[in-house]
């Protein structure tokens, strides 16, 4: 059982690890990012808008290594996807997939027209869950639902089923990003969070508005360390603890 932790990883970036014993074992990993940090850059996984499958599946670690990122998490849900057994699954690294929602990377939209909630980032790091009115969107990634609005848990969220989760939120001033990744489905380690519990963690760390990203076996948080890219949580793909899933897109942060 890992102990609680607070550690500054980079300028403007703090990592927290917390665990709960009740109502069940739960380990959460939280990153807060000061959006006013000089030189801070975001990256959503680039995609090809002209391709049938605009994304090439890769793990979050592979994404962070390829683009020399200091922090990265898994992003939106995607298709096709299945996991029948340890040998029968899709995608493998390198397979083509389509994100479920809107996706923009460095000014290039490779999937649009979705009504799913979307996190928008301008070139000057203005962030919002609504379309920017006076600045062009430079990066964008979608989730499946909003879970926090006006510092309150969205009514009607599931409060029964625990699972691995990934979510992002921003404070009321738009000056802080909150990332939460919860481990789950691992007996005697962490069983996961319900959707409403996930929202409560985001509020605790300062989020006024927050969106749920892809969860389950996709939930992964990686950071750069002295020894290379380090997986901070315990992902679980194909029921194998610690095994990363190849996913569609990701949210990455680069700090000079």
C-alpha atoms as a PDB file:
ATOM      1  CA  UNK A   1       0.000   0.000   0.000  1.00  0.00           C
ATOM      2  CA  UNK A   2       1.741   3.213  -1.099  1.00  0.00           C
ATOM      3  CA  UNK A   3       1.885   6.065   1.397  1.00  0.00           C
ATOM      4  CA  UNK A   4       0.295   9.453   0.675  1.00  0.00           C
ATOM      5  CA  UNK A   5       2.654  11.795  -1.117  1.00  0.00           C
ATOM      6  CA  UNK A   6       3.013  15.405  -2.252  1.00  0.00           C
ATOM      7  CA  UNK A   7       5.907  16.216  -4.566  1.00  0.00           C
ATOM      8  CA  UNK A   8       6.746  19.064  -6.913  1.00  0.00           C
ATOM      9  CA  UNK A   9       7.778  17.401 -10.160  1.00  0.00           C
ATOM     10  CA  UNK A  10       8.506  20.434 -12.344  1.00  0.00           C
ATOM     11  CA  UNK A  11       7.956  24.182 -12.292  1.00  0.00           C
ATOM     12  CA  UNK A  12       4.239  24.656 -11.741  1.00  0.00           C
ATOM     13  CA  UNK A  13       3.510  20.900 -11.564  1.00  0.00           C
ATOM     14  CA  UNK A  14       2.685  19.122  -8.280  1.00  0.00           C
ATOM     15  CA  UNK A  15       1.939  15.421  -7.867  1.00  0.00           C
ATOM     16  CA  UNK A  16      -0.222  14.016  -5.067  1.00  0.00           C
ATOM     17  CA  UNK A  17      -0.939  10.404  -4.185  1.00  0.00           C
ATOM     18  CA  UNK A  18      -3.784   9.603  -1.801  1.00  0.00           C
ATOM     19  CA  UNK A  19      -5.512   6.454  -0.675  1.00  0.00           C
ATOM     20  CA  UNK A  20      -8.758   5.624   1.039  1.00  0.00           C
ATOM     21  CA  UNK A  21      -9.604   2.557   3.090  1.00  0.00           C
ATOM     22  CA  UNK A  22     -13.339   3.287   3.136  1.00  0.00           C
ATOM     23  CA  UNK A  23     -15.764   2.594   1.580  1.00  0.00           C
ATOM     24  CA  UNK A  24     -13.176   0.460  -0.245  1.00  0.00           C
ATOM     25  CA  UNK A  25      -9.483   0.465  -1.106  1.00  0.00           C
ATOM     26  CA  UNK A  26      -8.854   3.355  -3.467  1.00  0.00           C
ATOM     27  CA  UNK A  27      -5.603   4.878  -4.705  1.00  0.00           C
ATOM     28  CA  UNK A  28      -5.730   8.140  -6.627  1.00  0.00           C
ATOM     29  CA  UNK A  29      -2.982  10.051  -8.410  1.00  0.00           C
ATOM     30  CA  UNK A  30      -3.446  13.791  -8.810  1.00  0.00           C
ATOM     31  CA  UNK A  31      -1.475  16.313 -10.852  1.00  0.00           C
ATOM     32  CA  UNK A  32      -2.073  20.054 -10.528  1.00  0.00           C
ATOM     33  CA  UNK A  33      -0.614  22.369 -13.163  1.00  0.00           C
ATOM     34  CA  UNK A  34      -0.168  26.139 -12.865  1.00  0.00           C
ATOM     35  CA  UNK A  35      -1.240  27.303 -16.325  1.00  0.00           C
ATOM     36  CA  UNK A  36       0.750  30.524 -15.934  1.00  0.00           C
ATOM     37  CA  UNK A  37       4.043  28.606 -15.849  1.00  0.00           C
ATOM     38  CA  UNK A  38       6.434  30.188 -18.399  1.00  0.00           C
ATOM     39  CA  UNK A  39       7.070  27.994 -21.439  1.00  0.00           C
ATOM     40  CA  UNK A  40       4.294  25.523 -20.646  1.00  0.00           C
ATOM     41  CA  UNK A  41       2.962  23.711 -23.737  1.00  0.00           C
ATOM     42  CA  UNK A  42       0.151  21.228 -24.336  1.00  0.00           C
ATOM     43  CA  UNK A  43      -0.036  18.501 -26.948  1.00  0.00           C
ATOM     44  CA  UNK A  44      -2.939  16.314 -28.006  1.00  0.00           C
ATOM     45  CA  UNK A  45      -1.858  13.244 -29.972  1.00  0.00           C
ATOM     46  CA  UNK A  46      -1.551  14.283 -33.646  1.00  0.00           C
ATOM     47  CA  UNK A  47      -3.868  12.575 -36.125  1.00  0.00           C
ATOM     48  CA  UNK A  48      -4.499  12.424 -39.863  1.00  0.00           C
ATOM     49  CA  UNK A  49      -7.823  14.062 -40.795  1.00  0.00           C
ATOM     50  CA  UNK A  50      -7.796  12.410 -44.238  1.00  0.00           C
ATOM     51  CA  UNK A  51      -7.326   8.843 -43.006  1.00  0.00           C
ATOM     52  CA  UNK A  52     -10.090   6.321 -42.354  1.00  0.00           C
ATOM     53  CA  UNK A  53      -8.468   5.748 -38.957  1.00  0.00           C
ATOM     54  CA  UNK A  54      -6.929   9.098 -38.037  1.00  0.00           C
ATOM     55  CA  UNK A  55      -4.994   7.766 -35.029  1.00  0.00           C
ATOM     56  CA  UNK A  56      -2.362   5.092 -34.565  1.00  0.00           C
ATOM     57  CA  UNK A  57      -2.835   3.394 -31.200  1.00  0.00           C
ATOM     58  CA  UNK A  58       0.043   3.615 -28.752  1.00  0.00           C
ATOM     59  CA  UNK A  59       0.533   3.459 -24.992  1.00  0.00           C
ATOM     60  CA  UNK A  60       0.711   6.625 -22.943  1.00  0.00           C
ATOM     61  CA  UNK A  61       4.377   5.907 -22.232  1.00  0.00           C
ATOM     62  CA  UNK A  62       5.112   5.647 -25.945  1.00  0.00           C
ATOM     63  CA  UNK A  63       3.335   8.951 -26.542  1.00  0.00           C
ATOM     64  CA  UNK A  64       5.375  10.705 -23.827  1.00  0.00           C
ATOM     65  CA  UNK A  65       8.652   9.292 -25.142  1.00  0.00           C
ATOM     66  CA  UNK A  66       7.942  10.116 -28.777  1.00  0.00           C
ATOM     67  CA  UNK A  67       7.134  13.767 -28.092  1.00  0.00           C
ATOM     68  CA  UNK A  68       9.516  14.350 -25.160  1.00  0.00           C
ATOM     69  CA  UNK A  69       6.737  15.231 -22.701  1.00  0.00           C
ATOM     70  CA  UNK A  70       6.999  15.710 -18.955  1.00  0.00           C
ATOM     71  CA  UNK A  71       3.421  14.622 -18.122  1.00  0.00           C
ATOM     72  CA  UNK A  72       0.927  12.562 -20.136  1.00  0.00           C
ATOM     73  CA  UNK A  73      -2.414  10.832 -19.599  1.00  0.00           C
ATOM     74  CA  UNK A  74      -4.746   8.756 -21.748  1.00  0.00           C
ATOM     75  CA  UNK A  75      -7.461  10.719 -23.538  1.00  0.00           C
ATOM     76  CA  UNK A  76     -10.774  10.126 -25.269  1.00  0.00           C
ATOM     77  CA  UNK A  77     -12.519   6.813 -25.883  1.00  0.00           C
ATOM     78  CA  UNK A  78     -12.051   5.269 -29.325  1.00  0.00           C
ATOM     79  CA  UNK A  79     -13.224   2.629 -31.769  1.00  0.00           C
ATOM     80  CA  UNK A  80     -12.778  -0.148 -32.711  1.00  0.00           C
ATOM     81  CA  UNK A  81     -12.012  -1.705 -29.359  1.00  0.00           C
ATOM     82  CA  UNK A  82     -12.485  -5.118 -27.779  1.00  0.00           C
ATOM     83  CA  UNK A  83     -10.795  -7.213 -25.104  1.00  0.00           C
ATOM     84  CA  UNK A  84     -11.986 -10.812 -25.173  1.00  0.00           C
ATOM     85  CA  UNK A  85      -8.912 -12.452 -23.667  1.00  0.00           C
ATOM     86  CA  UNK A  86      -5.197 -12.026 -23.177  1.00  0.00           C
ATOM     87  CA  UNK A  87      -4.694 -12.984 -26.843  1.00  0.00           C
ATOM     88  CA  UNK A  88      -7.878 -11.624 -28.432  1.00  0.00           C
ATOM     89  CA  UNK A  89      -7.928  -7.833 -28.198  1.00  0.00           C
ATOM     90  CA  UNK A  90      -7.813  -4.640 -30.259  1.00  0.00           C
ATOM     91  CA  UNK A  91      -6.037  -2.346 -30.779  1.00  0.00           C
ATOM     92  CA  UNK A  92      -2.442  -3.478 -30.688  1.00  0.00           C
ATOM     93  CA  UNK A  93       0.223  -0.753 -30.808  1.00  0.00           C
ATOM     94  CA  UNK A  94       0.240   0.602 -34.356  1.00  0.00           C
ATOM     95  CA  UNK A  95      -3.368  -0.312 -35.166  1.00  0.00           C
ATOM     96  CA  UNK A  96      -5.700   2.370 -36.485  1.00  0.00           C
ATOM     97  CA  UNK A  97      -8.519   3.814 -34.365  1.00  0.00           C
ATOM     98  CA  UNK A  98     -11.029   6.678 -34.413  1.00  0.00           C
ATOM     99  CA  UNK A  99     -11.593   8.927 -31.371  1.00  0.00           C
ATOM    100  CA  UNK A 100     -15.148   9.145 -30.091  1.00  0.00           C
ATOM    101  CA  UNK A 101     -15.223  12.926 -29.808  1.00  0.00           C
ATOM    102  CA  UNK A 102     -13.727  16.123 -31.179  1.00  0.00           C
ATOM    103  CA  UNK A 103      -9.960  16.178 -31.483  1.00  0.00           C
ATOM    104  CA  UNK A 104      -7.538  18.933 -32.509  1.00  0.00           C
ATOM    105  CA  UNK A 105      -3.752  18.782 -32.367  1.00  0.00           C
ATOM    106  CA  UNK A 106      -1.603  21.869 -33.006  1.00  0.00           C
ATOM    107  CA  UNK A 107      -4.377  23.536 -34.961  1.00  0.00           C
ATOM    108  CA  UNK A 108      -5.306  20.473 -37.051  1.00  0.00           C
ATOM    109  CA  UNK A 109      -8.769  18.999 -36.447  1.00  0.00           C
ATOM    110  CA  UNK A 110      -8.717  15.285 -37.233  1.00  0.00           C
ATOM    111  CA  UNK A 111     -12.126  14.436 -35.813  1.00  0.00           C
ATOM    112  CA  UNK A 112     -15.134  16.708 -35.316  1.00  0.00           C
ATOM    113  CA  UNK A 113     -18.875  17.001 -35.324  1.00  0.00           C
ATOM    114  CA  UNK A 114     -19.319  15.274 -31.974  1.00  0.00           C
ATOM    115  CA  UNK A 115     -21.669  16.512 -29.276  1.00  0.00           C
ATOM    116  CA  UNK A 116     -19.495  15.074 -26.513  1.00  0.00           C
ATOM    117  CA  UNK A 117     -18.047  17.546 -23.989  1.00  0.00           C
ATOM    118  CA  UNK A 118     -14.689  18.894 -25.129  1.00  0.00           C
ATOM    119  CA  UNK A 119     -11.670  20.493 -23.445  1.00  0.00           C
ATOM    120  CA  UNK A 120     -10.320  23.375 -25.550  1.00  0.00           C
ATOM    121  CA  UNK A 121      -6.808  24.842 -25.348  1.00  0.00           C
ATOM    122  CA  UNK A 122      -5.622  27.934 -27.225  1.00  0.00           C
ATOM    123  CA  UNK A 123      -2.037  28.599 -28.291  1.00  0.00           C
ATOM    124  CA  UNK A 124      -1.661  30.921 -25.295  1.00  0.00           C
ATOM    125  CA  UNK A 125      -2.872  28.186 -22.891  1.00  0.00           C
ATOM    126  CA  UNK A 126      -6.331  29.611 -22.286  1.00  0.00           C
ATOM    127  CA  UNK A 127      -8.394  26.564 -21.341  1.00  0.00           C
ATOM    128  CA  UNK A 128     -12.137  26.042 -21.309  1.00  0.00           C
ATOM    129  CA  UNK A 129     -14.897  23.500 -21.722  1.00  0.00           C
ATOM    130  CA  UNK A 130     -16.665  25.916 -24.069  1.00  0.00           C
ATOM    131  CA  UNK A 131     -15.444  27.100 -27.466  1.00  0.00           C
ATOM    132  CA  UNK A 132     -13.086  30.099 -27.156  1.00  0.00           C
ATOM    133  CA  UNK A 133     -14.729  33.208 -28.553  1.00  0.00           C
ATOM    134  CA  UNK A 134     -11.736  35.345 -29.444  1.00  0.00           C
ATOM    135  CA  UNK A 135      -8.895  32.877 -29.915  1.00  0.00           C
ATOM    136  CA  UNK A 136      -8.468  29.953 -32.264  1.00  0.00           C
ATOM    137  CA  UNK A 137      -8.439  26.516 -30.644  1.00  0.00           C
ATOM    138  CA  UNK A 138      -4.987  24.977 -30.899  1.00  0.00           C
ATOM    139  CA  UNK A 139      -5.565  21.684 -29.076  1.00  0.00           C
ATOM    140  CA  UNK A 140      -8.782  19.926 -28.062  1.00  0.00           C
ATOM    141  CA  UNK A 141      -9.802  16.584 -26.623  1.00  0.00           C
ATOM    142  CA  UNK A 142     -13.199  15.154 -25.683  1.00  0.00           C
ATOM    143  CA  UNK A 143     -14.600  13.070 -22.853  1.00  0.00           C
ATOM    144  CA  UNK A 144     -17.860  11.229 -22.322  1.00  0.00           C
ATOM    145  CA  UNK A 145     -19.533  13.489 -19.714  1.00  0.00           C
ATOM    146  CA  UNK A 146     -19.112  16.513 -17.458  1.00  0.00           C
ATOM    147  CA  UNK A 147     -18.801  15.489 -13.813  1.00  0.00           C
ATOM    148  CA  UNK A 148     -18.237  18.835 -12.042  1.00  0.00           C
ATOM    149  CA  UNK A 149     -19.984  22.145 -12.808  1.00  0.00           C
ATOM    150  CA  UNK A 150     -19.730  25.266 -10.628  1.00  0.00           C
ATOM    151  CA  UNK A 151     -17.785  23.359  -7.951  1.00  0.00           C
ATOM    152  CA  UNK A 152     -20.632  20.869  -7.567  1.00  0.00           C
ATOM    153  CA  UNK A 153     -20.901  17.198  -8.457  1.00  0.00           C
ATOM    154  CA  UNK A 154     -23.174  16.871 -11.493  1.00  0.00           C
ATOM    155  CA  UNK A 155     -26.480  15.350 -10.317  1.00  0.00           C
ATOM    156  CA  UNK A 156     -27.232  11.774 -11.293  1.00  0.00           C
ATOM    157  CA  UNK A 157     -23.656  10.502 -11.581  1.00  0.00           C
ATOM    158  CA  UNK A 158     -23.118   6.831 -10.788  1.00  0.00           C
ATOM    159  CA  UNK A 159     -22.341   6.260  -7.111  1.00  0.00           C
ATOM    160  CA  UNK A 160     -22.315   2.463  -7.170  1.00  0.00           C
ATOM    161  CA  UNK A 161     -19.794   1.042  -9.651  1.00  0.00           C
ATOM    162  CA  UNK A 162     -16.090   1.550  -8.814  1.00  0.00           C
ATOM    163  CA  UNK A 163     -13.594   1.444 -11.680  1.00  0.00           C
ATOM    164  CA  UNK A 164     -10.295   2.889 -12.877  1.00  0.00           C
ATOM    165  CA  UNK A 165     -10.893   6.498 -13.928  1.00  0.00           C
ATOM    166  CA  UNK A 166      -9.204   9.418 -15.676  1.00  0.00           C
ATOM    167  CA  UNK A 167     -10.521  12.991 -15.564  1.00  0.00           C
ATOM    168  CA  UNK A 168      -9.428  16.588 -16.023  1.00  0.00           C
ATOM    169  CA  UNK A 169     -10.711  19.803 -14.490  1.00  0.00           C
ATOM    170  CA  UNK A 170      -9.943  23.508 -14.235  1.00  0.00           C
ATOM    171  CA  UNK A 171     -10.413  26.050 -11.470  1.00  0.00           C
ATOM    172  CA  UNK A 172     -12.781  28.984 -11.719  1.00  0.00           C
ATOM    173  CA  UNK A 173     -10.084  31.396 -12.890  1.00  0.00           C
ATOM    174  CA  UNK A 174      -8.801  29.047 -15.583  1.00  0.00           C
ATOM    175  CA  UNK A 175      -5.335  29.240 -14.052  1.00  0.00           C
ATOM    176  CA  UNK A 176      -5.008  25.676 -12.736  1.00  0.00           C
ATOM    177  CA  UNK A 177      -5.452  22.300 -14.406  1.00  0.00           C
ATOM    178  CA  UNK A 178      -6.342  19.304 -12.229  1.00  0.00           C
ATOM    179  CA  UNK A 179      -5.685  15.768 -13.486  1.00  0.00           C
ATOM    180  CA  UNK A 180      -6.955  12.729 -11.586  1.00  0.00           C
ATOM    181  CA  UNK A 181      -6.172   9.094 -12.383  1.00  0.00           C
ATOM    182  CA  UNK A 182      -7.660   6.437 -10.094  1.00  0.00           C
ATOM    183  CA  UNK A 183      -6.421   2.852 -10.018  1.00  0.00           C
ATOM    184  CA  UNK A 184      -9.001   0.083  -9.899  1.00  0.00           C
ATOM    185  CA  UNK A 185      -9.956  -3.563 -10.412  1.00  0.00           C
ATOM    186  CA  UNK A 186      -6.945  -4.731  -8.391  1.00  0.00           C
ATOM    187  CA  UNK A 187      -7.848  -6.766  -5.307  1.00  0.00           C
ATOM    188  CA  UNK A 188      -6.066  -5.727  -2.084  1.00  0.00           C
ATOM    189  CA  UNK A 189      -4.581  -2.693  -3.889  1.00  0.00           C
ATOM    190  CA  UNK A 190      -7.286  -0.410  -5.314  1.00  0.00           C
ATOM    191  CA  UNK A 191     -10.812  -1.208  -6.380  1.00  0.00           C
ATOM    192  CA  UNK A 192     -11.465   2.140  -8.069  1.00  0.00           C
ATOM    193  CA  UNK A 193     -13.812   5.101  -7.711  1.00  0.00           C
ATOM    194  CA  UNK A 194     -17.425   5.664  -8.638  1.00  0.00           C
ATOM    195  CA  UNK A 195     -18.102   8.568 -10.975  1.00  0.00           C
ATOM    196  CA  UNK A 196     -19.366  10.767  -8.150  1.00  0.00           C
ATOM    197  CA  UNK A 197     -16.321   9.933  -5.993  1.00  0.00           C
ATOM    198  CA  UNK A 198     -14.093  10.922  -8.904  1.00  0.00           C
ATOM    199  CA  UNK A 199     -15.886  14.272  -9.098  1.00  0.00           C
ATOM    200  CA  UNK A 200     -15.411  14.838  -5.363  1.00  0.00           C
ATOM    201  CA  UNK A 201     -11.645  14.282  -5.674  1.00  0.00           C
ATOM    202  CA  UNK A 202     -11.440  16.844  -8.466  1.00  0.00           C
ATOM    203  CA  UNK A 203     -13.321  19.401  -6.362  1.00  0.00           C
ATOM    204  CA  UNK A 204     -11.040  18.697  -3.387  1.00  0.00           C
ATOM    205  CA  UNK A 205      -8.005  19.654  -5.478  1.00  0.00           C
ATOM    206  CA  UNK A 206      -9.514  22.851  -6.806  1.00  0.00           C
ATOM    207  CA  UNK A 207     -11.549  21.997  -9.906  1.00  0.00           C
ATOM    208  CA  UNK A 208     -14.643  24.118 -10.555  1.00  0.00           C
ATOM    209  CA  UNK A 209     -15.437  22.330 -13.825  1.00  0.00           C
ATOM    210  CA  UNK A 210     -14.345  18.816 -14.825  1.00  0.00           C
ATOM    211  CA  UNK A 211     -14.808  16.196 -17.532  1.00  0.00           C
ATOM    212  CA  UNK A 212     -14.469  12.426 -17.454  1.00  0.00           C
ATOM    213  CA  UNK A 213     -12.059  10.889 -19.970  1.00  0.00           C
ATOM    214  CA  UNK A 214     -11.665   7.255 -21.015  1.00  0.00           C
ATOM    215  CA  UNK A 215     -11.288   4.954 -18.019  1.00  0.00           C
ATOM    216  CA  UNK A 216     -11.020   1.260 -17.249  1.00  0.00           C
ATOM    217  CA  UNK A 217      -7.909  -0.360 -18.678  1.00  0.00           C
ATOM    218  CA  UNK A 218      -7.035   2.872 -20.487  1.00  0.00           C
ATOM    219  CA  UNK A 219      -6.389   4.932 -17.331  1.00  0.00           C
ATOM    220  CA  UNK A 220      -2.683   5.795 -17.235  1.00  0.00           C
ATOM    221  CA  UNK A 221      -0.519   8.608 -15.862  1.00  0.00           C
ATOM    222  CA  UNK A 222       3.141   8.932 -16.841  1.00  0.00           C
ATOM    223  CA  UNK A 223       5.781  11.525 -15.987  1.00  0.00           C
ATOM    224  CA  UNK A 224       9.367  12.140 -16.995  1.00  0.00           C
ATOM    225  CA  UNK A 225      11.957  11.093 -14.416  1.00  0.00           C
ATOM    226  CA  UNK A 226      15.735  10.944 -14.231  1.00  0.00           C
ATOM    227  CA  UNK A 227      15.551   7.346 -15.458  1.00  0.00           C
ATOM    228  CA  UNK A 228      13.127   8.069 -18.321  1.00  0.00           C
ATOM    229  CA  UNK A 229       9.362   7.891 -18.567  1.00  0.00           C
ATOM    230  CA  UNK A 230       7.783   6.581 -15.360  1.00  0.00           C
ATOM    231  CA  UNK A 231       4.273   5.152 -15.029  1.00  0.00           C
ATOM    232  CA  UNK A 232       2.924   6.699 -11.823  1.00  0.00           C
ATOM    233  CA  UNK A 233      -0.203   4.576 -11.440  1.00  0.00           C
ATOM    234  CA  UNK A 234      -0.982   0.887 -11.860  1.00  0.00           C
ATOM    235  CA  UNK A 235      -2.889   0.519 -15.149  1.00  0.00           C
ATOM    236  CA  UNK A 236      -4.699  -2.741 -15.801  1.00  0.00           C
ATOM    237  CA  UNK A 237      -5.250  -4.003 -19.328  1.00  0.00           C
ATOM    238  CA  UNK A 238      -6.621  -7.478 -20.075  1.00  0.00           C
ATOM    239  CA  UNK A 239      -6.784  -8.003 -16.284  1.00  0.00           C
ATOM    240  CA  UNK A 240      -2.994  -7.729 -15.997  1.00  0.00           C
ATOM    241  CA  UNK A 241      -2.014  -5.255 -13.238  1.00  0.00           C
ATOM    242  CA  UNK A 242       0.663  -2.795 -14.342  1.00  0.00           C
ATOM    243  CA  UNK A 243       0.091  -3.478 -18.046  1.00  0.00           C
ATOM    244  CA  UNK A 244      -0.503  -0.441 -20.286  1.00  0.00           C
ATOM    245  CA  UNK A 245      -3.170  -0.407 -22.974  1.00  0.00           C
ATOM    246  CA  UNK A 246      -2.539   1.062 -26.422  1.00  0.00           C
ATOM    247  CA  UNK A 247      -5.100   3.871 -26.760  1.00  0.00           C
ATOM    248  CA  UNK A 248      -6.172   6.445 -29.338  1.00  0.00           C
ATOM    249  CA  UNK A 249      -5.214   9.899 -28.188  1.00  0.00           C
ATOM    250  CA  UNK A 250      -3.617  11.470 -25.136  1.00  0.00           C
ATOM    251  CA  UNK A 251      -3.120  14.774 -23.356  1.00  0.00           C
ATOM    252  CA  UNK A 252       0.516  15.734 -22.886  1.00  0.00           C
ATOM    253  CA  UNK A 253       2.316  18.581 -21.133  1.00  0.00           C
ATOM    254  CA  UNK A 254       5.756  19.908 -22.013  1.00  0.00           C
ATOM    255  CA  UNK A 255       7.709  22.049 -19.588  1.00  0.00           C
ATOM    256  CA  UNK A 256      11.119  23.554 -20.463  1.00  0.00           C
END
